[in-house]
Amino acid sequence: MELDAAALGEQEARLDELLALLGLVWDQPADRRVEVLAARQPLYPQFHRIGHKRQLVIRALEDDRRSVVEHYPVVLRAVVADRDTNSPRWLVAVLAGAVGRRRAERDLLAAGASADALRWVRLL
């Protein structure tokens, strides 16, 4: 996967917005592996951070339908900002679990989600 600085910046901003709304704080631990990979791909630390932030958001929302519904537009924007092939599936599952598969699919389509994100709705 080709990493794009602007796309990663948008994705991280959407996740940071969700973290703030949910009152969650992500603390970045030192990780020598990330430092090594950053030598090859300077955007890797941000890519890695995004993965951890995504999982923190998912863990907070997966059993909290009320919060998903309350912050639905922000969760939707986070999915749309995620350009990865596989990672949108987790937030898509959270959306669909809270509002139903059809509404999630309709709203993702209207918001301009990637084909990959839409595919995950259909696979739920």
PDB file of N, CA and C in Angstrom:
ATOM      1  N   MET A   1       0.840  -1.178   0.000  1.00  0.00           N
ATOM      2  CA  MET A   1       0.000   0.000   0.000  1.00  0.00           C
ATOM      3  C   MET A   1       0.885   1.242   0.000  1.00  0.00           C
ATOM      4  N   GLU A   2       0.565   2.152  -0.869  1.00  0.00           N
ATOM      5  CA  GLU A   2       1.280   3.420  -0.962  1.00  0.00           C
ATOM      6  C   GLU A   2       0.760   4.368   0.118  1.00  0.00           C
ATOM      7  N   LEU A   3       1.653   4.915   0.907  1.00  0.00           N
ATOM      8  CA  LEU A   3       1.247   5.841   1.964  1.00  0.00           C
ATOM      9  C   LEU A   3       1.254   7.264   1.424  1.00  0.00           C
ATOM     10  N   ASP A   4       0.211   8.006   1.735  1.00  0.00           N
ATOM     11  CA  ASP A   4       0.041   9.371   1.260  1.00  0.00           C
ATOM     12  C   ASP A   4      -0.097  10.287   2.477  1.00  0.00           C
ATOM     13  N   ALA A   5       0.770  11.284   2.572  1.00  0.00           N
ATOM     14  CA  ALA A   5       0.802  12.152   3.753  1.00  0.00           C
ATOM     15  C   ALA A   5      -0.526  12.874   3.985  1.00  0.00           C
ATOM     16  N   ALA A   6      -1.123  13.403   2.934  1.00  0.00           N
ATOM     17  CA  ALA A   6      -2.383  14.134   3.095  1.00  0.00           C
ATOM     18  C   ALA A   6      -3.503  13.204   3.552  1.00  0.00           C
ATOM     19  N   ALA A   7      -3.578  12.024   2.947  1.00  0.00           N
ATOM     20  CA  ALA A   7      -4.627  11.063   3.313  1.00  0.00           C
ATOM     21  C   ALA A   7      -4.453  10.593   4.753  1.00  0.00           C
ATOM     22  N   LEU A   8      -3.211  10.315   5.144  1.00  0.00           N
ATOM     23  CA  LEU A   8      -2.965   9.898   6.522  1.00  0.00           C
ATOM     24  C   LEU A   8      -3.304  11.020   7.500  1.00  0.00           C
ATOM     25  N   GLY A   9      -2.981  12.247   7.125  1.00  0.00           N
ATOM     26  CA  GLY A   9      -3.300  13.387   7.980  1.00  0.00           C
ATOM     27  C   GLY A   9      -4.795  13.535   8.194  1.00  0.00           C
ATOM     28  N   GLU A  10      -5.564  13.379   7.124  1.00  0.00           N
ATOM     29  CA  GLU A  10      -7.027  13.460   7.228  1.00  0.00           C
ATOM     30  C   GLU A  10      -7.566  12.327   8.092  1.00  0.00           C
ATOM     31  N   GLN A  11      -7.062  11.133   7.864  1.00  0.00           N
ATOM     32  CA  GLN A  11      -7.529   9.978   8.629  1.00  0.00           C
ATOM     33  C   GLN A  11      -7.223  10.148  10.114  1.00  0.00           C
ATOM     34  N   GLU A  12      -6.020  10.578  10.422  1.00  0.00           N
ATOM     35  CA  GLU A  12      -5.661  10.751  11.825  1.00  0.00           C
ATOM     36  C   GLU A  12      -6.481  11.872  12.473  1.00  0.00           C
ATOM     37  N   ALA A  13      -6.748  12.924  11.724  1.00  0.00           N
ATOM     38  CA  ALA A  13      -7.567  14.017  12.260  1.00  0.00           C
ATOM     39  C   ALA A  13      -8.970  13.530  12.610  1.00  0.00           C
ATOM     40  N   ARG A  14      -9.544  12.688  11.770  1.00  0.00           N
ATOM     41  CA  ARG A  14     -10.888  12.153  12.048  1.00  0.00           C
ATOM     42  C   ARG A  14     -10.871  11.248  13.282  1.00  0.00           C
ATOM     43  N   LEU A  15      -9.834  10.443  13.413  1.00  0.00           N
ATOM     44  CA  LEU A  15      -9.724   9.581  14.596  1.00  0.00           C
ATOM     45  C   LEU A  15      -9.481  10.406  15.852  1.00  0.00           C
ATOM     46  N   ASP A  16      -8.656  11.434  15.746  1.00  0.00           N
ATOM     47  CA  ASP A  16      -8.420  12.315  16.896  1.00  0.00           C
ATOM     48  C   ASP A  16      -9.713  13.007  17.326  1.00  0.00           C
ATOM     49  N   GLU A  17     -10.534  13.385  16.351  1.00  0.00           N
ATOM     50  CA  GLU A  17     -11.831  13.997  16.658  1.00  0.00           C
ATOM     51  C   GLU A  17     -12.703  13.018  17.445  1.00  0.00           C
ATOM     52  N   LEU A  18     -12.732  11.775  17.012  1.00  0.00           N
ATOM     53  CA  LEU A  18     -13.503  10.753  17.729  1.00  0.00           C
ATOM     54  C   LEU A  18     -12.947  10.504  19.125  1.00  0.00           C
ATOM     55  N   LEU A  19     -11.638  10.414  19.232  1.00  0.00           N
ATOM     56  CA  LEU A  19     -11.028  10.199  20.547  1.00  0.00           C
ATOM     57  C   LEU A  19     -11.424  11.318  21.506  1.00  0.00           C
ATOM     58  N   ALA A  20     -11.386  12.553  21.025  1.00  0.00           N
ATOM     59  CA  ALA A  20     -11.742  13.691  21.876  1.00  0.00           C
ATOM     60  C   ALA A  20     -13.214  13.628  22.291  1.00  0.00           C
ATOM     61  N   LEU A  21     -14.094  13.318  21.342  1.00  0.00           N
ATOM     62  CA  LEU A  21     -15.527  13.226  21.660  1.00  0.00           C
ATOM     63  C   LEU A  21     -15.813  12.130  22.676  1.00  0.00           C
ATOM     64  N   LEU A  22     -15.054  11.053  22.592  1.00  0.00           N
ATOM     65  CA  LEU A  22     -15.264   9.915  23.491  1.00  0.00           C
ATOM     66  C   LEU A  22     -14.495  10.054  24.802  1.00  0.00           C
ATOM     67  N   GLY A  23     -13.697  11.108  24.914  1.00  0.00           N
ATOM     68  CA  GLY A  23     -12.916  11.325  26.126  1.00  0.00           C
ATOM     69  C   GLY A  23     -11.777  10.335  26.288  1.00  0.00           C
ATOM     70  N   LEU A  24     -11.247   9.869  25.166  1.00  0.00           N
ATOM     71  CA  LEU A  24     -10.164   8.885  25.191  1.00  0.00           C
ATOM     72  C   LEU A  24      -8.836   9.549  24.874  1.00  0.00           C
ATOM     73  N   VAL A  25      -7.784   9.036  25.477  1.00  0.00           N
ATOM     74  CA  VAL A  25      -6.438   9.544  25.228  1.00  0.00           C
ATOM     75  C   VAL A  25      -5.574   8.376  24.800  1.00  0.00           C
ATOM     76  N   TRP A  26      -4.887   8.555  23.694  1.00  0.00           N
ATOM     77  CA  TRP A  26      -3.968   7.519  23.243  1.00  0.00           C
ATOM     78  C   TRP A  26      -2.556   7.964  23.566  1.00  0.00           C
ATOM     79  N   ASP A  27      -1.838   7.117  24.259  1.00  0.00           N
ATOM     80  CA  ASP A  27      -0.465   7.404  24.648  1.00  0.00           C
ATOM     81  C   ASP A  27       0.455   6.548  23.796  1.00  0.00           C
ATOM     82  N   GLN A  28       1.370   7.185  23.103  1.00  0.00           N
ATOM     83  CA  GLN A  28       2.260   6.469  22.196  1.00  0.00           C
ATOM     84  C   GLN A  28       3.470   5.908  22.942  1.00  0.00           C
ATOM     85  N   PRO A  29       3.520   4.595  23.074  1.00  0.00           N
ATOM     86  CA  PRO A  29       4.693   3.997  23.719  1.00  0.00           C
ATOM     87  C   PRO A  29       5.877   3.965  22.749  1.00  0.00           C
ATOM     88  N   ALA A  30       7.059   3.975  23.291  1.00  0.00           N
ATOM     89  CA  ALA A  30       8.250   3.845  22.450  1.00  0.00           C
ATOM     90  C   ALA A  30       8.278   2.440  21.854  1.00  0.00           C
ATOM     91  N   ASP A  31       8.603   2.356  20.584  1.00  0.00           N
ATOM     92  CA  ASP A  31       8.629   1.066  19.903  1.00  0.00           C
ATOM     93  C   ASP A  31       9.780   1.073  18.903  1.00  0.00           C
ATOM     94  N   ARG A  32      10.793   0.333  19.205  1.00  0.00           N
ATOM     95  CA  ARG A  32      11.990   0.289  18.356  1.00  0.00           C
ATOM     96  C   ARG A  32      11.660  -0.183  16.940  1.00  0.00           C
ATOM     97  N   ARG A  33      10.695  -1.080  16.804  1.00  0.00           N
ATOM     98  CA  ARG A  33      10.325  -1.576  15.469  1.00  0.00           C
ATOM     99  C   ARG A  33       9.804  -0.448  14.590  1.00  0.00           C
ATOM    100  N   VAL A  34       9.046   0.453  15.192  1.00  0.00           N
ATOM    101  CA  VAL A  34       8.515   1.587  14.435  1.00  0.00           C
ATOM    102  C   VAL A  34       9.660   2.478  13.971  1.00  0.00           C
ATOM    103  N   GLU A  35      10.629   2.688  14.834  1.00  0.00           N
ATOM    104  CA  GLU A  35      11.790   3.502  14.464  1.00  0.00           C
ATOM    105  C   GLU A  35      12.546   2.883  13.295  1.00  0.00           C
ATOM    106  N   VAL A  36      12.709   1.579  13.318  1.00  0.00           N
ATOM    107  CA  VAL A  36      13.421   0.881  12.241  1.00  0.00           C
ATOM    108  C   VAL A  36      12.655   1.023  10.926  1.00  0.00           C
ATOM    109  N   LEU A  37      11.349   0.808  10.970  1.00  0.00           N
ATOM    110  CA  LEU A  37      10.542   0.914   9.755  1.00  0.00           C
ATOM    111  C   LEU A  37      10.454   2.352   9.254  1.00  0.00           C
ATOM    112  N   ALA A  38      10.529   3.314  10.152  1.00  0.00           N
ATOM    113  CA  ALA A  38      10.502   4.720   9.755  1.00  0.00           C
ATOM    114  C   ALA A  38      11.723   5.088   8.927  1.00  0.00           C
ATOM    115  N   ALA A  39      12.819   4.385   9.139  1.00  0.00           N
ATOM    116  CA  ALA A  39      14.019   4.641   8.344  1.00  0.00           C
ATOM    117  C   ALA A  39      13.771   4.298   6.875  1.00  0.00           C
ATOM    118  N   ARG A  40      12.905   3.321   6.632  1.00  0.00           N
ATOM    119  CA  ARG A  40      12.570   2.921   5.255  1.00  0.00           C
ATOM    120  C   ARG A  40      11.401   3.717   4.689  1.00  0.00           C
ATOM    121  N   GLN A  41      10.435   4.026   5.551  1.00  0.00           N
ATOM    122  CA  GLN A  41       9.215   4.724   5.115  1.00  0.00           C
ATOM    123  C   GLN A  41       8.895   5.789   6.167  1.00  0.00           C
ATOM    124  N   PRO A  42       9.224   7.047   5.874  1.00  0.00           N
ATOM    125  CA  PRO A  42       9.043   8.114   6.863  1.00  0.00           C
ATOM    126  C   PRO A  42       7.609   8.279   7.376  1.00  0.00           C
ATOM    127  N   LEU A  43       6.621   7.845   6.608  1.00  0.00           N
ATOM    128  CA  LEU A  43       5.230   7.972   7.047  1.00  0.00           C
ATOM    129  C   LEU A  43       4.776   6.804   7.918  1.00  0.00           C
ATOM    130  N   TYR A  44       5.631   5.806   8.081  1.00  0.00           N
ATOM    131  CA  TYR A  44       5.219   4.629   8.837  1.00  0.00           C
ATOM    132  C   TYR A  44       4.794   4.944  10.279  1.00  0.00           C
ATOM    133  N   PRO A  45       5.493   5.803  11.016  1.00  0.00           N
ATOM    134  CA  PRO A  45       5.050   6.080  12.391  1.00  0.00           C
ATOM    135  C   PRO A  45       3.605   6.592  12.456  1.00  0.00           C
ATOM    136  N   GLN A  46       3.225   7.442  11.522  1.00  0.00           N
ATOM    137  CA  GLN A  46       1.849   7.936  11.503  1.00  0.00           C
ATOM    138  C   GLN A  46       0.876   6.811  11.151  1.00  0.00           C
ATOM    139  N   PHE A  47       1.226   5.996  10.179  1.00  0.00           N
ATOM    140  CA  PHE A  47       0.406   4.849   9.787  1.00  0.00           C
ATOM    141  C   PHE A  47       0.194   3.919  10.988  1.00  0.00           C
ATOM    142  N   HIS A  48       1.257   3.670  11.722  1.00  0.00           N
ATOM    143  CA  HIS A  48       1.217   2.807  12.902  1.00  0.00           C
ATOM    144  C   HIS A  48       0.332   3.416  14.001  1.00  0.00           C
ATOM    145  N   ARG A  49       0.511   4.709  14.229  1.00  0.00           N
ATOM    146  CA  ARG A  49      -0.273   5.435  15.233  1.00  0.00           C
ATOM    147  C   ARG A  49      -1.767   5.368  14.898  1.00  0.00           C
ATOM    148  N   ILE A  50      -2.091   5.556  13.631  1.00  0.00           N
ATOM    149  CA  ILE A  50      -3.483   5.509  13.179  1.00  0.00           C
ATOM    150  C   ILE A  50      -4.101   4.157  13.505  1.00  0.00           C
ATOM    151  N   GLY A  51      -3.362   3.090  13.278  1.00  0.00           N
ATOM    152  CA  GLY A  51      -3.878   1.754  13.583  1.00  0.00           C
ATOM    153  C   GLY A  51      -4.226   1.600  15.055  1.00  0.00           C
ATOM    154  N   HIS A  52      -3.375   2.109  15.915  1.00  0.00           N
ATOM    155  CA  HIS A  52      -3.648   2.027  17.359  1.00  0.00           C
ATOM    156  C   HIS A  52      -4.832   2.907  17.756  1.00  0.00           C
ATOM    157  N   LYS A  53      -4.904   4.093  17.195  1.00  0.00           N
ATOM    158  CA  LYS A  53      -6.026   4.982  17.505  1.00  0.00           C
ATOM    159  C   LYS A  53      -7.337   4.373  17.018  1.00  0.00           C
ATOM    160  N   ARG A  54      -7.315   3.776  15.831  1.00  0.00           N
ATOM    161  CA  ARG A  54      -8.516   3.135  15.296  1.00  0.00           C
ATOM    162  C   ARG A  54      -8.999   2.047  16.239  1.00  0.00           C
ATOM    163  N   GLN A  55      -8.081   1.223  16.717  1.00  0.00           N
ATOM    164  CA  GLN A  55      -8.466   0.131  17.615  1.00  0.00           C
ATOM    165  C   GLN A  55      -9.006   0.653  18.945  1.00  0.00           C
ATOM    166  N   LEU A  56      -8.441   1.733  19.447  1.00  0.00           N
ATOM    167  CA  LEU A  56      -8.939   2.337  20.686  1.00  0.00           C
ATOM    168  C   LEU A  56     -10.380   2.826  20.500  1.00  0.00           C
ATOM    169  N   VAL A  57     -10.636   3.479  19.378  1.00  0.00           N
ATOM    170  CA  VAL A  57     -11.991   3.951  19.077  1.00  0.00           C
ATOM    171  C   VAL A  57     -12.946   2.776  18.934  1.00  0.00           C
ATOM    172  N   ILE A  58     -12.531   1.760  18.212  1.00  0.00           N
ATOM    173  CA  ILE A  58     -13.393   0.593  17.988  1.00  0.00           C
ATOM    174  C   ILE A  58     -13.739  -0.083  19.307  1.00  0.00           C
ATOM    175  N   ARG A  59     -12.745  -0.297  20.152  1.00  0.00           N
ATOM    176  CA  ARG A  59     -13.014  -0.937  21.453  1.00  0.00           C
ATOM    177  C   ARG A  59     -14.006  -0.122  22.282  1.00  0.00           C
ATOM    178  N   ALA A  60     -13.918   1.197  22.178  1.00  0.00           N
ATOM    179  CA  ALA A  60     -14.833   2.049  22.946  1.00  0.00           C
ATOM    180  C   ALA A  60     -16.250   2.020  22.378  1.00  0.00           C
ATOM    181  N   LEU A  61     -16.373   1.866  21.068  1.00  0.00           N
ATOM    182  CA  LEU A  61     -17.687   1.962  20.434  1.00  0.00           C
ATOM    183  C   LEU A  61     -18.394   0.640  20.202  1.00  0.00           C
ATOM    184  N   GLU A  62     -17.660  -0.454  20.127  1.00  0.00           N
ATOM    185  CA  GLU A  62     -18.282  -1.703  19.691  1.00  0.00           C
ATOM    186  C   GLU A  62     -19.407  -2.192  20.599  1.00  0.00           C
ATOM    187  N   ASP A  63     -19.394  -1.846  21.846  1.00  0.00           N
ATOM    188  CA  ASP A  63     -20.467  -2.258  22.751  1.00  0.00           C
ATOM    189  C   ASP A  63     -21.262  -1.065  23.280  1.00  0.00           C
ATOM    190  N   ASP A  64     -21.189   0.046  22.560  1.00  0.00           N
ATOM    191  CA  ASP A  64     -21.850   1.270  23.019  1.00  0.00           C
ATOM    192  C   ASP A  64     -22.646   1.895  21.874  1.00  0.00           C
ATOM    193  N   ARG A  65     -23.751   1.259  21.551  1.00  0.00           N
ATOM    194  CA  ARG A  65     -24.591   1.701  20.431  1.00  0.00           C
ATOM    195  C   ARG A  65     -24.996   3.169  20.582  1.00  0.00           C
ATOM    196  N   ARG A  66     -25.307   3.584  21.793  1.00  0.00           N
ATOM    197  CA  ARG A  66     -25.729   4.964  22.031  1.00  0.00           C
ATOM    198  C   ARG A  66     -24.661   5.962  21.583  1.00  0.00           C
ATOM    199  N   SER A  67     -23.406   5.679  21.916  1.00  0.00           N
ATOM    200  CA  SER A  67     -22.322   6.581  21.513  1.00  0.00           C
ATOM    201  C   SER A  67     -22.129   6.584  20.001  1.00  0.00           C
ATOM    202  N   VAL A  68     -22.290   5.423  19.377  1.00  0.00           N
ATOM    203  CA  VAL A  68     -22.163   5.368  17.911  1.00  0.00           C
ATOM    204  C   VAL A  68     -23.236   6.245  17.277  1.00  0.00           C
ATOM    205  N   VAL A  69     -24.463   6.108  17.744  1.00  0.00           N
ATOM    206  CA  VAL A  69     -25.567   6.904  17.197  1.00  0.00           C
ATOM    207  C   VAL A  69     -25.335   8.391  17.479  1.00  0.00           C
ATOM    208  N   GLU A  70     -24.905   8.701  18.687  1.00  0.00           N
ATOM    209  CA  GLU A  70     -24.661  10.099  19.073  1.00  0.00           C
ATOM    210  C   GLU A  70     -23.575  10.740  18.211  1.00  0.00           C
ATOM    211  N   HIS A  71     -22.542   9.985  17.907  1.00  0.00           N
ATOM    212  CA  HIS A  71     -21.405  10.521  17.146  1.00  0.00           C
ATOM    213  C   HIS A  71     -21.368   9.975  15.716  1.00  0.00           C
ATOM    214  N   TYR A  72     -22.510   9.536  15.235  1.00  0.00           N
ATOM    215  CA  TYR A  72     -22.602   8.872  13.934  1.00  0.00           C
ATOM    216  C   TYR A  72     -21.915   9.642  12.798  1.00  0.00           C
ATOM    217  N   PRO A  73     -22.166  10.951  12.628  1.00  0.00           N
ATOM    218  CA  PRO A  73     -21.512  11.661  11.524  1.00  0.00           C
ATOM    219  C   PRO A  73     -19.985  11.637  11.618  1.00  0.00           C
ATOM    220  N   VAL A  74     -19.464  11.683  12.830  1.00  0.00           N
ATOM    221  CA  VAL A  74     -18.010  11.686  13.009  1.00  0.00           C
ATOM    222  C   VAL A  74     -17.438  10.299  12.721  1.00  0.00           C
ATOM    223  N   VAL A  75     -18.136   9.258  13.150  1.00  0.00           N
ATOM    224  CA  VAL A  75     -17.699   7.889  12.845  1.00  0.00           C
ATOM    225  C   VAL A  75     -17.744   7.677  11.336  1.00  0.00           C
ATOM    226  N   LEU A  76     -18.787   8.153  10.694  1.00  0.00           N
ATOM    227  CA  LEU A  76     -18.926   8.038   9.244  1.00  0.00           C
ATOM    228  C   LEU A  76     -17.762   8.732   8.542  1.00  0.00           C
ATOM    229  N   ARG A  77     -17.408   9.926   8.988  1.00  0.00           N
ATOM    230  CA  ARG A  77     -16.274  10.645   8.384  1.00  0.00           C
ATOM    231  C   ARG A  77     -14.962   9.888   8.583  1.00  0.00           C
ATOM    232  N   ALA A  78     -14.821   9.237   9.727  1.00  0.00           N
ATOM    233  CA  ALA A  78     -13.600   8.451   9.972  1.00  0.00           C
ATOM    234  C   ALA A  78     -13.502   7.282   9.000  1.00  0.00           C
ATOM    235  N   VAL A  79     -14.624   6.635   8.718  1.00  0.00           N
ATOM    236  CA  VAL A  79     -14.620   5.528   7.754  1.00  0.00           C
ATOM    237  C   VAL A  79     -14.260   6.050   6.370  1.00  0.00           C
ATOM    238  N   VAL A  80     -14.872   7.143   5.968  1.00  0.00           N
ATOM    239  CA  VAL A  80     -14.631   7.701   4.635  1.00  0.00           C
ATOM    240  C   VAL A  80     -13.171   8.129   4.481  1.00  0.00           C
ATOM    241  N   ALA A  81     -12.563   8.608   5.551  1.00  0.00           N
ATOM    242  CA  ALA A  81     -11.171   9.059   5.492  1.00  0.00           C
ATOM    243  C   ALA A  81     -10.171   7.907   5.461  1.00  0.00           C
ATOM    244  N   ASP A  82     -10.610   6.708   5.778  1.00  0.00           N
ATOM    245  CA  ASP A  82      -9.714   5.543   5.836  1.00  0.00           C
ATOM    246  C   ASP A  82      -9.578   4.938   4.447  1.00  0.00           C
ATOM    247  N   ARG A  83      -8.413   5.091   3.845  1.00  0.00           N
ATOM    248  CA  ARG A  83      -8.205   4.623   2.472  1.00  0.00           C
ATOM    249  C   ARG A  83      -7.582   3.236   2.399  1.00  0.00           C
ATOM    250  N   ASP A  84      -7.408   2.616   3.524  1.00  0.00           N
ATOM    251  CA  ASP A  84      -6.844   1.273   3.541  1.00  0.00           C
ATOM    252  C   ASP A  84      -7.863   0.283   2.980  1.00  0.00           C
ATOM    253  N   THR A  85      -7.380  -0.827   2.468  1.00  0.00           N
ATOM    254  CA  THR A  85      -8.267  -1.830   1.882  1.00  0.00           C
ATOM    255  C   THR A  85      -9.065  -2.574   2.940  1.00  0.00           C
ATOM    256  N   ASN A  86      -8.435  -2.934   4.033  1.00  0.00           N
ATOM    257  CA  ASN A  86      -9.075  -3.795   5.025  1.00  0.00           C
ATOM    258  C   ASN A  86      -9.513  -3.106   6.310  1.00  0.00           C
ATOM    259  N   SER A  87      -8.809  -2.097   6.739  1.00  0.00           N
ATOM    260  CA  SER A  87      -9.092  -1.534   8.058  1.00  0.00           C
ATOM    261  C   SER A  87     -10.461  -0.878   8.209  1.00  0.00           C
ATOM    262  N   PRO A  88     -11.113  -0.381   7.163  1.00  0.00           N
ATOM    263  CA  PRO A  88     -12.444   0.199   7.378  1.00  0.00           C
ATOM    264  C   PRO A  88     -13.464  -0.795   7.922  1.00  0.00           C
ATOM    265  N   ARG A  89     -13.205  -2.070   7.740  1.00  0.00           N
ATOM    266  CA  ARG A  89     -14.203  -3.074   8.140  1.00  0.00           C
ATOM    267  C   ARG A  89     -14.589  -2.969   9.608  1.00  0.00           C
ATOM    268  N   TRP A  90     -13.651  -2.585  10.461  1.00  0.00           N
ATOM    269  CA  TRP A  90     -13.936  -2.546  11.894  1.00  0.00           C
ATOM    270  C   TRP A  90     -14.905  -1.425  12.244  1.00  0.00           C
ATOM    271  N   LEU A  91     -14.667  -0.240  11.710  1.00  0.00           N
ATOM    272  CA  LEU A  91     -15.595   0.859  11.981  1.00  0.00           C
ATOM    273  C   LEU A  91     -16.906   0.674  11.225  1.00  0.00           C
ATOM    274  N   VAL A  92     -16.858   0.060  10.047  1.00  0.00           N
ATOM    275  CA  VAL A  92     -18.085  -0.249   9.309  1.00  0.00           C
ATOM    276  C   VAL A  92     -18.958  -1.186  10.141  1.00  0.00           C
ATOM    277  N   ALA A  93     -18.345  -2.174  10.768  1.00  0.00           N
ATOM    278  CA  ALA A  93     -19.104  -3.107  11.611  1.00  0.00           C
ATOM    279  C   ALA A  93     -19.743  -2.378  12.791  1.00  0.00           C
ATOM    280  N   VAL A  94     -19.030  -1.419  13.369  1.00  0.00           N
ATOM    281  CA  VAL A  94     -19.573  -0.626  14.473  1.00  0.00           C
ATOM    282  C   VAL A  94     -20.778   0.189  13.988  1.00  0.00           C
ATOM    283  N   LEU A  95     -20.631   0.828  12.817  1.00  0.00           N
ATOM    284  CA  LEU A  95     -21.746   1.609  12.262  1.00  0.00           C
ATOM    285  C   LEU A  95     -22.962   0.732  11.997  1.00  0.00           C
ATOM    286  N   ALA A  96     -22.735  -0.361  11.280  1.00  0.00           N
ATOM    287  CA  ALA A  96     -23.844  -1.244  10.906  1.00  0.00           C
ATOM    288  C   ALA A  96     -24.504  -1.857  12.137  1.00  0.00           C
ATOM    289  N   GLY A  97     -23.716  -2.170  13.142  1.00  0.00           N
ATOM    290  CA  GLY A  97     -24.281  -2.730  14.365  1.00  0.00           C
ATOM    291  C   GLY A  97     -25.174  -1.744  15.097  1.00  0.00           C
ATOM    292  N   ALA A  98     -24.891  -0.464  14.947  1.00  0.00           N
ATOM    293  CA  ALA A  98     -25.666   0.557  15.655  1.00  0.00           C
ATOM    294  C   ALA A  98     -26.908   1.011  14.893  1.00  0.00           C
ATOM    295  N   VAL A  99     -26.792   1.131  13.571  1.00  0.00           N
ATOM    296  CA  VAL A  99     -27.911   1.708  12.807  1.00  0.00           C
ATOM    297  C   VAL A  99     -28.463   0.772  11.743  1.00  0.00           C
ATOM    298  N   GLY A 100     -27.888  -0.391  11.614  1.00  0.00           N
ATOM    299  CA  GLY A 100     -28.343  -1.335  10.597  1.00  0.00           C
ATOM    300  C   GLY A 100     -27.488  -1.270   9.345  1.00  0.00           C
ATOM    301  N   ARG A 101     -27.405  -2.405   8.699  1.00  0.00           N
ATOM    302  CA  ARG A 101     -26.553  -2.533   7.523  1.00  0.00           C
ATOM    303  C   ARG A 101     -27.014  -1.643   6.373  1.00  0.00           C
ATOM    304  N   ARG A 102     -28.296  -1.598   6.120  1.00  0.00           N
ATOM    305  CA  ARG A 102     -28.799  -0.807   4.984  1.00  0.00           C
ATOM    306  C   ARG A 102     -28.537   0.680   5.162  1.00  0.00           C
ATOM    307  N   ARG A 103     -28.814   1.195   6.351  1.00  0.00           N
ATOM    308  CA  ARG A 103     -28.567   2.625   6.565  1.00  0.00           C
ATOM    309  C   ARG A 103     -27.073   2.924   6.475  1.00  0.00           C
ATOM    310  N   ALA A 104     -26.254   2.067   7.075  1.00  0.00           N
ATOM    311  CA  ALA A 104     -24.807   2.289   7.014  1.00  0.00           C
ATOM    312  C   ALA A 104     -24.341   2.306   5.562  1.00  0.00           C
ATOM    313  N   GLU A 105     -24.807   1.358   4.769  1.00  0.00           N
ATOM    314  CA  GLU A 105     -24.411   1.301   3.357  1.00  0.00           C
ATOM    315  C   GLU A 105     -24.874   2.552   2.611  1.00  0.00           C
ATOM    316  N   ARG A 106     -26.118   2.938   2.812  1.00  0.00           N
ATOM    317  CA  ARG A 106     -26.666   4.126   2.144  1.00  0.00           C
ATOM    318  C   ARG A 106     -25.868   5.378   2.520  1.00  0.00           C
ATOM    319  N   ASP A 107     -25.594   5.537   3.809  1.00  0.00           N
ATOM    320  CA  ASP A 107     -24.885   6.731   4.264  1.00  0.00           C
ATOM    321  C   ASP A 107     -23.431   6.741   3.812  1.00  0.00           C
ATOM    322  N   LEU A 108     -22.794   5.582   3.802  1.00  0.00           N
ATOM    323  CA  LEU A 108     -21.418   5.506   3.309  1.00  0.00           C
ATOM    324  C   LEU A 108     -21.361   5.842   1.824  1.00  0.00           C
ATOM    325  N   LEU A 109     -22.297   5.341   1.068  1.00  0.00           N
ATOM    326  CA  LEU A 109     -22.353   5.629  -0.363  1.00  0.00           C
ATOM    327  C   LEU A 109     -22.553   7.126  -0.590  1.00  0.00           C
ATOM    328  N   ALA A 110     -23.483   7.722   0.136  1.00  0.00           N
ATOM    329  CA  ALA A 110     -23.756   9.155   0.002  1.00  0.00           C
ATOM    330  C   ALA A 110     -22.559  10.005   0.419  1.00  0.00           C
ATOM    331  N   ALA A 111     -21.781   9.510   1.368  1.00  0.00           N
ATOM    332  CA  ALA A 111     -20.616  10.257   1.870  1.00  0.00           C
ATOM    333  C   ALA A 111     -19.381  10.074   0.994  1.00  0.00           C
ATOM    334  N   GLY A 112     -19.468   9.201  -0.003  1.00  0.00           N
ATOM    335  CA  GLY A 112     -18.337   8.999  -0.902  1.00  0.00           C
ATOM    336  C   GLY A 112     -17.314   8.011  -0.395  1.00  0.00           C
ATOM    337  N   ALA A 113     -17.746   7.036   0.374  1.00  0.00           N
ATOM    338  CA  ALA A 113     -16.820   6.019   0.896  1.00  0.00           C
ATOM    339  C   ALA A 113     -16.219   5.213  -0.246  1.00  0.00           C
ATOM    340  N   SER A 114     -15.081   4.637   0.020  1.00  0.00           N
ATOM    341  CA  SER A 114     -14.402   3.816  -0.981  1.00  0.00           C
ATOM    342  C   SER A 114     -15.181   2.534  -1.243  1.00  0.00           C
ATOM    343  N   ALA A 115     -14.886   1.932  -2.372  1.00  0.00           N
ATOM    344  CA  ALA A 115     -15.498   0.638  -2.698  1.00  0.00           C
ATOM    345  C   ALA A 115     -15.146  -0.396  -1.638  1.00  0.00           C
ATOM    346  N   ASP A 116     -13.946  -0.300  -1.073  1.00  0.00           N
ATOM    347  CA  ASP A 116     -13.535  -1.252  -0.035  1.00  0.00           C
ATOM    348  C   ASP A 116     -14.421  -1.129   1.202  1.00  0.00           C
ATOM    349  N   ALA A 117     -14.708   0.103   1.621  1.00  0.00           N
ATOM    350  CA  ALA A 117     -15.575   0.296   2.791  1.00  0.00           C
ATOM    351  C   ALA A 117     -16.973  -0.248   2.512  1.00  0.00           C
ATOM    352  N   LEU A 118     -17.481   0.006   1.320  1.00  0.00           N
ATOM    353  CA  LEU A 118     -18.812  -0.496   0.962  1.00  0.00           C
ATOM    354  C   LEU A 118     -18.826  -2.018   0.900  1.00  0.00           C
ATOM    355  N   ARG A 119     -17.742  -2.589   0.450  1.00  0.00           N
ATOM    356  CA  ARG A 119     -17.645  -4.053   0.382  1.00  0.00           C
ATOM    357  C   ARG A 119     -17.792  -4.659   1.775  1.00  0.00           C
ATOM    358  N   TRP A 120     -17.214  -4.009   2.777  1.00  0.00           N
ATOM    359  CA  TRP A 120     -17.295  -4.554   4.135  1.00  0.00           C
ATOM    360  C   TRP A 120     -18.717  -4.540   4.662  1.00  0.00           C
ATOM    361  N   VAL A 121     -19.520  -3.549   4.263  1.00  0.00           N
ATOM    362  CA  VAL A 121     -20.926  -3.530   4.685  1.00  0.00           C
ATOM    363  C   VAL A 121     -21.628  -4.756   4.121  1.00  0.00           C
ATOM    364  N   ARG A 122     -21.367  -5.056   2.882  1.00  0.00           N
ATOM    365  CA  ARG A 122     -22.030  -6.188   2.229  1.00  0.00           C
ATOM    366  C   ARG A 122     -21.595  -7.526   2.803  1.00  0.00           C
ATOM    367  N   LEU A 123     -20.411  -7.567   3.384  1.00  0.00           N
ATOM    368  CA  LEU A 123     -19.894  -8.824   3.928  1.00  0.00           C
ATOM    369  C   LEU A 123     -20.302  -9.060   5.377  1.00  0.00           C
ATOM    370  N   LEU A 124     -20.946  -8.096   5.998  1.00  0.00           N
ATOM    371  CA  LEU A 124     -21.356  -8.262   7.400  1.00  0.00           C
ATOM    372  C   LEU A 124     -22.446  -9.297   7.523  1.00  0.00           C
TER     373      LEU A 124
END
